[in-house]
């Protein structure tokens, strides 16, 4: 009885497998994970970490120098720069995440649907996607925002629709390969519906490829939002956003003050960290596919 119990393989939990996966990651990926965890912590607990409120005017002196009371000085309106930087993490990352999820959902659903239906429907959706991708995203976004206004909802929807074209291309190409396999044909022969085939047969087989693209698209969206805010058409005042913080305090650079470069560095560090992790996941996925 004891031998039979001891001979059974013990299946480690998900947490154990996740820890093993993280330990096997290269140094660059581990650094990326640590940086991403720090950003996530700051974004989640911004009200507790920030010494002052997001829009609170704490000094009558604009562009006050760094000091014990205001570690990074104040901005052009006398607001605490460090507090604005912390709240900017919450606003920038949250909006980029929401936009990425919406874009991922739209693109993947349309891509799998087009691949499984085929015919005229596939061609019509593909040509529409080609038309959207032929226009530079930044120019198209600027044009639409100038027409409908620079609200947060408009910003999210416009960027999500434009970025969904990339998810559509990848998910459609991957779904076309899976749709021609025997188990999908067998499901069709059994009379399974299109939704059942998409959820149970296609999505599980294309998900690793799409998830690797998810990190890259998040970086693109995050940088795009920062660029739009720097140009004055992204998140509007008094909302703290790193791109707009660089623009509003750019005059300090002429005075030899590096304060405006701090939010720019925060943008760059997050983009680099995400790319480190995505590169590791892509290399790992390609290695597993070669072994298979």
C-alpha atoms as a PDB file:
ATOM      1  CA  UNK A   1       0.000   0.000   0.000  1.00  0.00           C
ATOM      2  CA  UNK A   2       2.807   2.368   0.956  1.00  0.00           C
ATOM      3  CA  UNK A   3       4.751   1.504  -2.193  1.00  0.00           C
ATOM      4  CA  UNK A   4       1.754   2.272  -4.408  1.00  0.00           C
ATOM      5  CA  UNK A   5       1.313   5.605  -2.689  1.00  0.00           C
ATOM      6  CA  UNK A   6       4.972   6.525  -3.048  1.00  0.00           C
ATOM      7  CA  UNK A   7       5.073   5.435  -6.683  1.00  0.00           C
ATOM      8  CA  UNK A   8       2.419   7.930  -7.736  1.00  0.00           C
ATOM      9  CA  UNK A   9       3.919  10.993  -9.401  1.00  0.00           C
ATOM     10  CA  UNK A  10       3.335  14.167  -7.485  1.00  0.00           C
ATOM     11  CA  UNK A  11       2.026  16.954  -9.690  1.00  0.00           C
ATOM     12  CA  UNK A  12       3.477  20.293  -8.511  1.00  0.00           C
ATOM     13  CA  UNK A  13       1.037  23.151  -8.130  1.00  0.00           C
ATOM     14  CA  UNK A  14       0.756  26.060 -10.484  1.00  0.00           C
ATOM     15  CA  UNK A  15       2.681  28.294  -8.118  1.00  0.00           C
ATOM     16  CA  UNK A  16       5.582  25.847  -8.015  1.00  0.00           C
ATOM     17  CA  UNK A  17       5.689  25.607 -11.806  1.00  0.00           C
ATOM     18  CA  UNK A  18       5.583  29.378 -12.087  1.00  0.00           C
ATOM     19  CA  UNK A  19       8.502  29.733  -9.667  1.00  0.00           C
ATOM     20  CA  UNK A  20      10.523  27.173 -11.619  1.00  0.00           C
ATOM     21  CA  UNK A  21       9.766  29.057 -14.821  1.00  0.00           C
ATOM     22  CA  UNK A  22      10.931  32.344 -13.313  1.00  0.00           C
ATOM     23  CA  UNK A  23      14.107  30.761 -11.942  1.00  0.00           C
ATOM     24  CA  UNK A  24      14.969  29.411 -15.380  1.00  0.00           C
ATOM     25  CA  UNK A  25      14.686  32.872 -16.924  1.00  0.00           C
ATOM     26  CA  UNK A  26      17.852  34.716 -17.974  1.00  0.00           C
ATOM     27  CA  UNK A  27      19.099  37.708 -16.004  1.00  0.00           C
ATOM     28  CA  UNK A  28      17.603  40.252 -18.402  1.00  0.00           C
ATOM     29  CA  UNK A  29      14.143  38.714 -18.082  1.00  0.00           C
ATOM     30  CA  UNK A  30      14.413  38.647 -14.284  1.00  0.00           C
ATOM     31  CA  UNK A  31      15.405  42.310 -14.268  1.00  0.00           C
ATOM     32  CA  UNK A  32      12.422  43.042 -16.503  1.00  0.00           C
ATOM     33  CA  UNK A  33      10.070  41.213 -14.148  1.00  0.00           C
ATOM     34  CA  UNK A  34      11.391  43.107 -11.139  1.00  0.00           C
ATOM     35  CA  UNK A  35      10.992  46.463 -12.892  1.00  0.00           C
ATOM     36  CA  UNK A  36       7.470  45.557 -14.019  1.00  0.00           C
ATOM     37  CA  UNK A  37       6.564  44.482 -10.471  1.00  0.00           C
ATOM     38  CA  UNK A  38       7.826  47.804  -9.092  1.00  0.00           C
ATOM     39  CA  UNK A  39       5.785  49.753 -11.644  1.00  0.00           C
ATOM     40  CA  UNK A  40       2.693  47.685 -10.862  1.00  0.00           C
ATOM     41  CA  UNK A  41       3.148  48.247  -7.115  1.00  0.00           C
ATOM     42  CA  UNK A  42       3.509  52.010  -7.579  1.00  0.00           C
ATOM     43  CA  UNK A  43       0.475  52.143  -9.875  1.00  0.00           C
ATOM     44  CA  UNK A  44      -1.729  50.152  -7.489  1.00  0.00           C
ATOM     45  CA  UNK A  45      -0.780  52.025  -4.322  1.00  0.00           C
ATOM     46  CA  UNK A  46      -0.250  55.487  -5.777  1.00  0.00           C
ATOM     47  CA  UNK A  47      -2.534  57.274  -3.251  1.00  0.00           C
ATOM     48  CA  UNK A  48      -0.603  55.709  -0.370  1.00  0.00           C
ATOM     49  CA  UNK A  49       2.865  56.331  -1.817  1.00  0.00           C
ATOM     50  CA  UNK A  50       2.405  59.881  -3.073  1.00  0.00           C
ATOM     51  CA  UNK A  51       3.225  62.532  -0.443  1.00  0.00           C
ATOM     52  CA  UNK A  52       0.638  64.922  -1.914  1.00  0.00           C
ATOM     53  CA  UNK A  53      -2.473  64.772  -4.061  1.00  0.00           C
ATOM     54  CA  UNK A  54      -2.398  64.457  -7.822  1.00  0.00           C
ATOM     55  CA  UNK A  55      -3.621  68.009  -8.494  1.00  0.00           C
ATOM     56  CA  UNK A  56      -2.787  69.602  -5.141  1.00  0.00           C
ATOM     57  CA  UNK A  57      -0.893  72.899  -5.355  1.00  0.00           C
ATOM     58  CA  UNK A  58       1.673  72.712  -2.555  1.00  0.00           C
ATOM     59  CA  UNK A  59       3.944  75.672  -3.326  1.00  0.00           C
ATOM     60  CA  UNK A  60       3.556  79.224  -4.519  1.00  0.00           C
ATOM     61  CA  UNK A  61       6.874  78.897  -6.317  1.00  0.00           C
ATOM     62  CA  UNK A  62       6.669  77.255  -9.743  1.00  0.00           C
ATOM     63  CA  UNK A  63       9.603  75.035 -10.666  1.00  0.00           C
ATOM     64  CA  UNK A  64      10.835  74.958  -7.078  1.00  0.00           C
ATOM     65  CA  UNK A  65      14.178  73.210  -6.722  1.00  0.00           C
ATOM     66  CA  UNK A  66      14.629  69.765  -5.213  1.00  0.00           C
ATOM     67  CA  UNK A  67      14.570  69.764  -1.422  1.00  0.00           C
ATOM     68  CA  UNK A  68      13.536  67.840   1.702  1.00  0.00           C
ATOM     69  CA  UNK A  69       9.913  68.976   1.431  1.00  0.00           C
ATOM     70  CA  UNK A  70       9.601  68.317  -2.292  1.00  0.00           C
ATOM     71  CA  UNK A  71      12.133  65.669  -3.275  1.00  0.00           C
ATOM     72  CA  UNK A  72      11.838  66.352  -7.002  1.00  0.00           C
ATOM     73  CA  UNK A  73      10.730  69.955  -6.721  1.00  0.00           C
ATOM     74  CA  UNK A  74       7.479  71.329  -8.117  1.00  0.00           C
ATOM     75  CA  UNK A  75       6.064  71.743 -11.610  1.00  0.00           C
ATOM     76  CA  UNK A  76       4.966  74.872 -13.469  1.00  0.00           C
ATOM     77  CA  UNK A  77       1.889  75.252 -11.232  1.00  0.00           C
ATOM     78  CA  UNK A  78       3.556  74.503  -7.913  1.00  0.00           C
ATOM     79  CA  UNK A  79       2.388  70.890  -7.680  1.00  0.00           C
ATOM     80  CA  UNK A  80       4.673  68.265  -6.157  1.00  0.00           C
ATOM     81  CA  UNK A  81       6.542  66.630  -9.034  1.00  0.00           C
ATOM     82  CA  UNK A  82       7.139  63.308  -7.259  1.00  0.00           C
ATOM     83  CA  UNK A  83       3.435  62.939  -6.478  1.00  0.00           C
ATOM     84  CA  UNK A  84       2.546  63.699 -10.092  1.00  0.00           C
ATOM     85  CA  UNK A  85       5.118  61.130 -11.225  1.00  0.00           C
ATOM     86  CA  UNK A  86       3.600  58.438  -8.995  1.00  0.00           C
ATOM     87  CA  UNK A  87       0.047  59.183 -10.092  1.00  0.00           C
ATOM     88  CA  UNK A  88       1.262  59.275 -13.677  1.00  0.00           C
ATOM     89  CA  UNK A  89       2.282  55.631 -13.331  1.00  0.00           C
ATOM     90  CA  UNK A  90      -1.287  54.704 -12.378  1.00  0.00           C
ATOM     91  CA  UNK A  91      -2.879  56.716 -15.198  1.00  0.00           C
ATOM     92  CA  UNK A  92      -0.438  55.784 -17.959  1.00  0.00           C
ATOM     93  CA  UNK A  93      -0.230  52.068 -17.197  1.00  0.00           C
ATOM     94  CA  UNK A  94      -3.959  51.619 -16.472  1.00  0.00           C
ATOM     95  CA  UNK A  95      -5.063  53.262 -19.711  1.00  0.00           C
ATOM     96  CA  UNK A  96      -2.467  51.345 -21.714  1.00  0.00           C
ATOM     97  CA  UNK A  97      -3.598  48.044 -20.155  1.00  0.00           C
ATOM     98  CA  UNK A  98      -7.296  48.698 -20.812  1.00  0.00           C
ATOM     99  CA  UNK A  99      -6.538  49.711 -24.397  1.00  0.00           C
ATOM    100  CA  UNK A 100      -4.390  46.615 -24.945  1.00  0.00           C
ATOM    101  CA  UNK A 101      -7.090  44.262 -23.618  1.00  0.00           C
ATOM    102  CA  UNK A 102      -9.776  45.854 -25.826  1.00  0.00           C
ATOM    103  CA  UNK A 103      -7.470  45.738 -28.836  1.00  0.00           C
ATOM    104  CA  UNK A 104      -6.562  42.110 -28.126  1.00  0.00           C
ATOM    105  CA  UNK A 105     -10.224  41.102 -27.835  1.00  0.00           C
ATOM    106  CA  UNK A 106     -11.345  42.853 -31.020  1.00  0.00           C
ATOM    107  CA  UNK A 107      -8.416  41.681 -33.134  1.00  0.00           C
ATOM    108  CA  UNK A 108      -8.436  38.049 -32.006  1.00  0.00           C
ATOM    109  CA  UNK A 109     -12.193  37.616 -32.308  1.00  0.00           C
ATOM    110  CA  UNK A 110     -12.250  39.071 -35.832  1.00  0.00           C
ATOM    111  CA  UNK A 111      -9.121  37.162 -36.862  1.00  0.00           C
ATOM    112  CA  UNK A 112     -10.401  33.750 -35.769  1.00  0.00           C
ATOM    113  CA  UNK A 113     -13.874  34.495 -37.141  1.00  0.00           C
ATOM    114  CA  UNK A 114     -12.473  35.503 -40.543  1.00  0.00           C
ATOM    115  CA  UNK A 115     -10.218  32.438 -40.689  1.00  0.00           C
ATOM    116  CA  UNK A 116     -13.023  29.984 -39.865  1.00  0.00           C
ATOM    117  CA  UNK A 117     -15.709  31.566 -42.063  1.00  0.00           C
ATOM    118  CA  UNK A 118     -13.465  32.398 -45.034  1.00  0.00           C
ATOM    119  CA  UNK A 119     -14.797  33.470 -48.389  1.00  0.00           C
ATOM    120  CA  UNK A 120     -16.214  36.939 -48.936  1.00  0.00           C
ATOM    121  CA  UNK A 121     -16.392  37.702 -45.210  1.00  0.00           C
ATOM    122  CA  UNK A 122     -12.701  36.989 -44.759  1.00  0.00           C
ATOM    123  CA  UNK A 123     -11.767  39.100 -47.771  1.00  0.00           C
ATOM    124  CA  UNK A 124     -13.960  42.036 -46.693  1.00  0.00           C
ATOM    125  CA  UNK A 125     -12.524  42.148 -43.162  1.00  0.00           C
ATOM    126  CA  UNK A 126      -8.968  41.692 -44.418  1.00  0.00           C
ATOM    127  CA  UNK A 127      -9.270  44.557 -46.921  1.00  0.00           C
ATOM    128  CA  UNK A 128     -10.692  46.829 -44.221  1.00  0.00           C
ATOM    129  CA  UNK A 129      -7.744  45.972 -41.985  1.00  0.00           C
ATOM    130  CA  UNK A 130      -5.331  46.670 -44.850  1.00  0.00           C
ATOM    131  CA  UNK A 131      -6.915  50.089 -45.331  1.00  0.00           C
ATOM    132  CA  UNK A 132      -6.532  50.947 -41.644  1.00  0.00           C
ATOM    133  CA  UNK A 133      -2.921  49.767 -41.571  1.00  0.00           C
ATOM    134  CA  UNK A 134      -2.013  51.815 -44.640  1.00  0.00           C
ATOM    135  CA  UNK A 135      -2.432  55.062 -42.664  1.00  0.00           C
ATOM    136  CA  UNK A 136       0.230  55.898 -40.022  1.00  0.00           C
ATOM    137  CA  UNK A 137      -1.309  55.341 -36.606  1.00  0.00           C
ATOM    138  CA  UNK A 138      -0.156  58.620 -35.076  1.00  0.00           C
ATOM    139  CA  UNK A 139      -1.497  60.733 -37.938  1.00  0.00           C
ATOM    140  CA  UNK A 140      -4.809  58.859 -38.002  1.00  0.00           C
ATOM    141  CA  UNK A 141      -5.186  59.179 -34.217  1.00  0.00           C
ATOM    142  CA  UNK A 142      -4.440  62.914 -34.310  1.00  0.00           C
ATOM    143  CA  UNK A 143      -7.042  63.405 -37.037  1.00  0.00           C
ATOM    144  CA  UNK A 144      -9.777  61.473 -35.219  1.00  0.00           C
ATOM    145  CA  UNK A 145      -9.072  63.114 -31.869  1.00  0.00           C
ATOM    146  CA  UNK A 146      -9.210  66.560 -33.466  1.00  0.00           C
ATOM    147  CA  UNK A 147     -12.681  65.721 -34.790  1.00  0.00           C
ATOM    148  CA  UNK A 148     -14.247  63.955 -31.795  1.00  0.00           C
ATOM    149  CA  UNK A 149     -12.268  65.508 -28.934  1.00  0.00           C
ATOM    150  CA  UNK A 150      -9.434  64.330 -26.684  1.00  0.00           C
ATOM    151  CA  UNK A 151     -11.434  62.457 -24.063  1.00  0.00           C
ATOM    152  CA  UNK A 152     -10.067  59.343 -22.360  1.00  0.00           C
ATOM    153  CA  UNK A 153     -12.790  57.175 -23.914  1.00  0.00           C
ATOM    154  CA  UNK A 154     -12.043  58.423 -27.428  1.00  0.00           C
ATOM    155  CA  UNK A 155      -8.324  57.913 -26.886  1.00  0.00           C
ATOM    156  CA  UNK A 156      -8.805  54.320 -25.710  1.00  0.00           C
ATOM    157  CA  UNK A 157     -11.236  53.361 -28.480  1.00  0.00           C
ATOM    158  CA  UNK A 158      -9.237  54.898 -31.323  1.00  0.00           C
ATOM    159  CA  UNK A 159      -5.921  53.353 -30.305  1.00  0.00           C
ATOM    160  CA  UNK A 160      -7.615  50.016 -29.546  1.00  0.00           C
ATOM    161  CA  UNK A 161      -9.218  49.836 -32.994  1.00  0.00           C
ATOM    162  CA  UNK A 162      -5.986  50.763 -34.783  1.00  0.00           C
ATOM    163  CA  UNK A 163      -3.854  48.339 -32.773  1.00  0.00           C
ATOM    164  CA  UNK A 164      -6.388  45.526 -33.169  1.00  0.00           C
ATOM    165  CA  UNK A 165      -5.327  45.284 -36.827  1.00  0.00           C
ATOM    166  CA  UNK A 166      -2.013  43.762 -35.702  1.00  0.00           C
ATOM    167  CA  UNK A 167      -3.767  41.205 -33.513  1.00  0.00           C
ATOM    168  CA  UNK A 168      -6.115  40.454 -36.415  1.00  0.00           C
ATOM    169  CA  UNK A 169      -3.241  39.704 -38.777  1.00  0.00           C
ATOM    170  CA  UNK A 170      -1.466  37.364 -36.351  1.00  0.00           C
ATOM    171  CA  UNK A 171      -4.574  35.579 -35.065  1.00  0.00           C
ATOM    172  CA  UNK A 172      -5.983  35.106 -38.586  1.00  0.00           C
ATOM    173  CA  UNK A 173      -2.715  33.657 -39.926  1.00  0.00           C
ATOM    174  CA  UNK A 174      -2.377  31.311 -36.949  1.00  0.00           C
ATOM    175  CA  UNK A 175      -6.054  30.324 -37.070  1.00  0.00           C
ATOM    176  CA  UNK A 176      -5.823  29.512 -40.791  1.00  0.00           C
ATOM    177  CA  UNK A 177      -3.043  27.020 -40.044  1.00  0.00           C
ATOM    178  CA  UNK A 178      -5.005  25.412 -37.215  1.00  0.00           C
ATOM    179  CA  UNK A 179      -8.306  25.385 -39.140  1.00  0.00           C
ATOM    180  CA  UNK A 180      -6.817  23.090 -41.776  1.00  0.00           C
ATOM    181  CA  UNK A 181      -5.788  20.429 -39.258  1.00  0.00           C
ATOM    182  CA  UNK A 182      -7.590  17.113 -38.831  1.00  0.00           C
ATOM    183  CA  UNK A 183      -9.075  17.705 -35.386  1.00  0.00           C
ATOM    184  CA  UNK A 184     -10.822  20.881 -36.599  1.00  0.00           C
ATOM    185  CA  UNK A 185     -12.201  19.038 -39.615  1.00  0.00           C
ATOM    186  CA  UNK A 186     -13.400  16.272 -37.298  1.00  0.00           C
ATOM    187  CA  UNK A 187     -15.180  18.835 -35.107  1.00  0.00           C
ATOM    188  CA  UNK A 188     -16.913  20.273 -38.168  1.00  0.00           C
ATOM    189  CA  UNK A 189     -17.924  16.779 -39.253  1.00  0.00           C
ATOM    190  CA  UNK A 190     -19.471  16.175 -35.817  1.00  0.00           C
ATOM    191  CA  UNK A 191     -21.616  19.237 -36.362  1.00  0.00           C
ATOM    192  CA  UNK A 192     -19.942  21.465 -33.781  1.00  0.00           C
ATOM    193  CA  UNK A 193     -20.778  25.152 -34.049  1.00  0.00           C
ATOM    194  CA  UNK A 194     -18.367  27.876 -35.114  1.00  0.00           C
ATOM    195  CA  UNK A 195     -18.127  29.311 -31.600  1.00  0.00           C
ATOM    196  CA  UNK A 196     -17.408  25.906 -30.048  1.00  0.00           C
ATOM    197  CA  UNK A 197     -14.637  25.219 -32.569  1.00  0.00           C
ATOM    198  CA  UNK A 198     -13.106  28.650 -32.010  1.00  0.00           C
ATOM    199  CA  UNK A 199     -13.099  28.358 -28.217  1.00  0.00           C
ATOM    200  CA  UNK A 200     -12.152  24.684 -27.818  1.00  0.00           C
ATOM    201  CA  UNK A 201     -10.029  23.914 -30.859  1.00  0.00           C
ATOM    202  CA  UNK A 202      -8.514  27.080 -32.320  1.00  0.00           C
ATOM    203  CA  UNK A 203      -7.879  29.477 -29.422  1.00  0.00           C
ATOM    204  CA  UNK A 204      -5.899  27.024 -27.219  1.00  0.00           C
ATOM    205  CA  UNK A 205      -3.516  26.333 -30.099  1.00  0.00           C
ATOM    206  CA  UNK A 206      -2.851  29.938 -31.129  1.00  0.00           C
ATOM    207  CA  UNK A 207      -2.874  31.511 -27.659  1.00  0.00           C
ATOM    208  CA  UNK A 208       0.910  31.283 -26.951  1.00  0.00           C
ATOM    209  CA  UNK A 209       1.728  33.127 -30.171  1.00  0.00           C
ATOM    210  CA  UNK A 210      -0.867  35.830 -29.518  1.00  0.00           C
ATOM    211  CA  UNK A 211       0.191  36.304 -25.899  1.00  0.00           C
ATOM    212  CA  UNK A 212       3.766  36.991 -26.964  1.00  0.00           C
ATOM    213  CA  UNK A 213       2.441  39.720 -29.242  1.00  0.00           C
ATOM    214  CA  UNK A 214       0.413  41.112 -26.336  1.00  0.00           C
ATOM    215  CA  UNK A 215       3.499  42.419 -24.546  1.00  0.00           C
ATOM    216  CA  UNK A 216       4.861  44.084 -27.657  1.00  0.00           C
ATOM    217  CA  UNK A 217       1.527  45.763 -28.388  1.00  0.00           C
ATOM    218  CA  UNK A 218       1.334  47.007 -24.794  1.00  0.00           C
ATOM    219  CA  UNK A 219       4.689  48.748 -25.268  1.00  0.00           C
ATOM    220  CA  UNK A 220       3.502  50.274 -28.518  1.00  0.00           C
ATOM    221  CA  UNK A 221       0.250  51.528 -26.972  1.00  0.00           C
ATOM    222  CA  UNK A 222       2.029  52.831 -23.871  1.00  0.00           C
ATOM    223  CA  UNK A 223       4.513  54.796 -25.975  1.00  0.00           C
ATOM    224  CA  UNK A 224       1.760  56.003 -28.301  1.00  0.00           C
ATOM    225  CA  UNK A 225      -0.276  57.419 -25.417  1.00  0.00           C
ATOM    226  CA  UNK A 226       2.807  59.163 -24.041  1.00  0.00           C
ATOM    227  CA  UNK A 227       3.560  60.666 -27.462  1.00  0.00           C
ATOM    228  CA  UNK A 228      -0.014  61.915 -27.881  1.00  0.00           C
ATOM    229  CA  UNK A 229       0.025  63.446 -24.400  1.00  0.00           C
ATOM    230  CA  UNK A 230       3.341  65.130 -25.198  1.00  0.00           C
ATOM    231  CA  UNK A 231       1.690  66.641 -28.285  1.00  0.00           C
ATOM    232  CA  UNK A 232      -1.230  67.850 -26.162  1.00  0.00           C
ATOM    233  CA  UNK A 233      -3.978  65.576 -27.554  1.00  0.00           C
ATOM    234  CA  UNK A 234      -3.680  62.637 -25.138  1.00  0.00           C
ATOM    235  CA  UNK A 235      -4.686  62.722 -21.481  1.00  0.00           C
ATOM    236  CA  UNK A 236      -5.773  66.238 -20.668  1.00  0.00           C
ATOM    237  CA  UNK A 237      -4.900  68.382 -17.611  1.00  0.00           C
ATOM    238  CA  UNK A 238      -5.049  68.128 -14.687  1.00  0.00           C
ATOM    239  CA  UNK A 239      -4.569  64.364 -15.100  1.00  0.00           C
ATOM    240  CA  UNK A 240      -0.966  63.362 -14.459  1.00  0.00           C
ATOM    241  CA  UNK A 241       0.617  61.605 -17.444  1.00  0.00           C
ATOM    242  CA  UNK A 242       4.301  61.139 -18.097  1.00  0.00           C
ATOM    243  CA  UNK A 243       4.273  62.421 -21.685  1.00  0.00           C
ATOM    244  CA  UNK A 244       2.495  65.644 -20.748  1.00  0.00           C
ATOM    245  CA  UNK A 245       4.800  66.060 -17.718  1.00  0.00           C
ATOM    246  CA  UNK A 246       7.805  66.099 -20.048  1.00  0.00           C
ATOM    247  CA  UNK A 247       6.155  68.756 -22.229  1.00  0.00           C
ATOM    248  CA  UNK A 248       4.949  70.953 -19.361  1.00  0.00           C
ATOM    249  CA  UNK A 249       8.341  71.046 -17.645  1.00  0.00           C
ATOM    250  CA  UNK A 250      10.587  71.081 -20.719  1.00  0.00           C
ATOM    251  CA  UNK A 251      11.676  74.658 -19.939  1.00  0.00           C
ATOM    252  CA  UNK A 252      13.713  73.331 -17.023  1.00  0.00           C
ATOM    253  CA  UNK A 253      16.134  71.634 -19.399  1.00  0.00           C
ATOM    254  CA  UNK A 254      17.373  75.055 -20.554  1.00  0.00           C
ATOM    255  CA  UNK A 255      18.167  75.821 -16.897  1.00  0.00           C
ATOM    256  CA  UNK A 256      20.263  72.671 -16.514  1.00  0.00           C
ATOM    257  CA  UNK A 257      17.553  70.854 -14.529  1.00  0.00           C
ATOM    258  CA  UNK A 258      17.054  67.174 -15.389  1.00  0.00           C
ATOM    259  CA  UNK A 259      13.600  66.944 -13.784  1.00  0.00           C
ATOM    260  CA  UNK A 260      11.692  66.688 -17.127  1.00  0.00           C
ATOM    261  CA  UNK A 261      13.887  63.741 -18.090  1.00  0.00           C
ATOM    262  CA  UNK A 262      12.654  61.666 -15.127  1.00  0.00           C
ATOM    263  CA  UNK A 263       9.199  60.846 -16.580  1.00  0.00           C
ATOM    264  CA  UNK A 264      10.884  60.241 -19.941  1.00  0.00           C
ATOM    265  CA  UNK A 265      13.222  57.772 -18.240  1.00  0.00           C
ATOM    266  CA  UNK A 266      10.241  56.134 -16.505  1.00  0.00           C
ATOM    267  CA  UNK A 267       8.648  55.563 -19.917  1.00  0.00           C
ATOM    268  CA  UNK A 268      11.853  54.130 -21.349  1.00  0.00           C
ATOM    269  CA  UNK A 269      12.568  51.801 -18.398  1.00  0.00           C
ATOM    270  CA  UNK A 270       9.098  50.240 -18.533  1.00  0.00           C
ATOM    271  CA  UNK A 271       9.289  49.712 -22.301  1.00  0.00           C
ATOM    272  CA  UNK A 272      12.723  48.093 -21.983  1.00  0.00           C
ATOM    273  CA  UNK A 273      11.581  45.871 -19.094  1.00  0.00           C
ATOM    274  CA  UNK A 274       8.549  44.605 -21.010  1.00  0.00           C
ATOM    275  CA  UNK A 275      10.712  43.921 -24.065  1.00  0.00           C
ATOM    276  CA  UNK A 276      13.160  41.899 -21.939  1.00  0.00           C
ATOM    277  CA  UNK A 277      10.342  39.654 -20.712  1.00  0.00           C
ATOM    278  CA  UNK A 278       8.687  39.366 -24.135  1.00  0.00           C
ATOM    279  CA  UNK A 279      11.995  38.402 -25.804  1.00  0.00           C
ATOM    280  CA  UNK A 280      12.507  35.648 -23.234  1.00  0.00           C
ATOM    281  CA  UNK A 281       8.972  34.317 -23.733  1.00  0.00           C
ATOM    282  CA  UNK A 282       9.394  34.351 -27.510  1.00  0.00           C
ATOM    283  CA  UNK A 283      12.711  32.500 -27.318  1.00  0.00           C
ATOM    284  CA  UNK A 284      11.249  29.985 -24.910  1.00  0.00           C
ATOM    285  CA  UNK A 285       8.190  29.398 -27.110  1.00  0.00           C
ATOM    286  CA  UNK A 286      10.350  28.922 -30.204  1.00  0.00           C
ATOM    287  CA  UNK A 287      12.576  26.510 -28.283  1.00  0.00           C
ATOM    288  CA  UNK A 288       9.603  24.430 -27.190  1.00  0.00           C
ATOM    289  CA  UNK A 289       8.242  24.332 -30.734  1.00  0.00           C
ATOM    290  CA  UNK A 290      11.640  23.157 -32.063  1.00  0.00           C
ATOM    291  CA  UNK A 291      11.736  20.387 -29.458  1.00  0.00           C
ATOM    292  CA  UNK A 292       8.219  19.382 -30.430  1.00  0.00           C
END
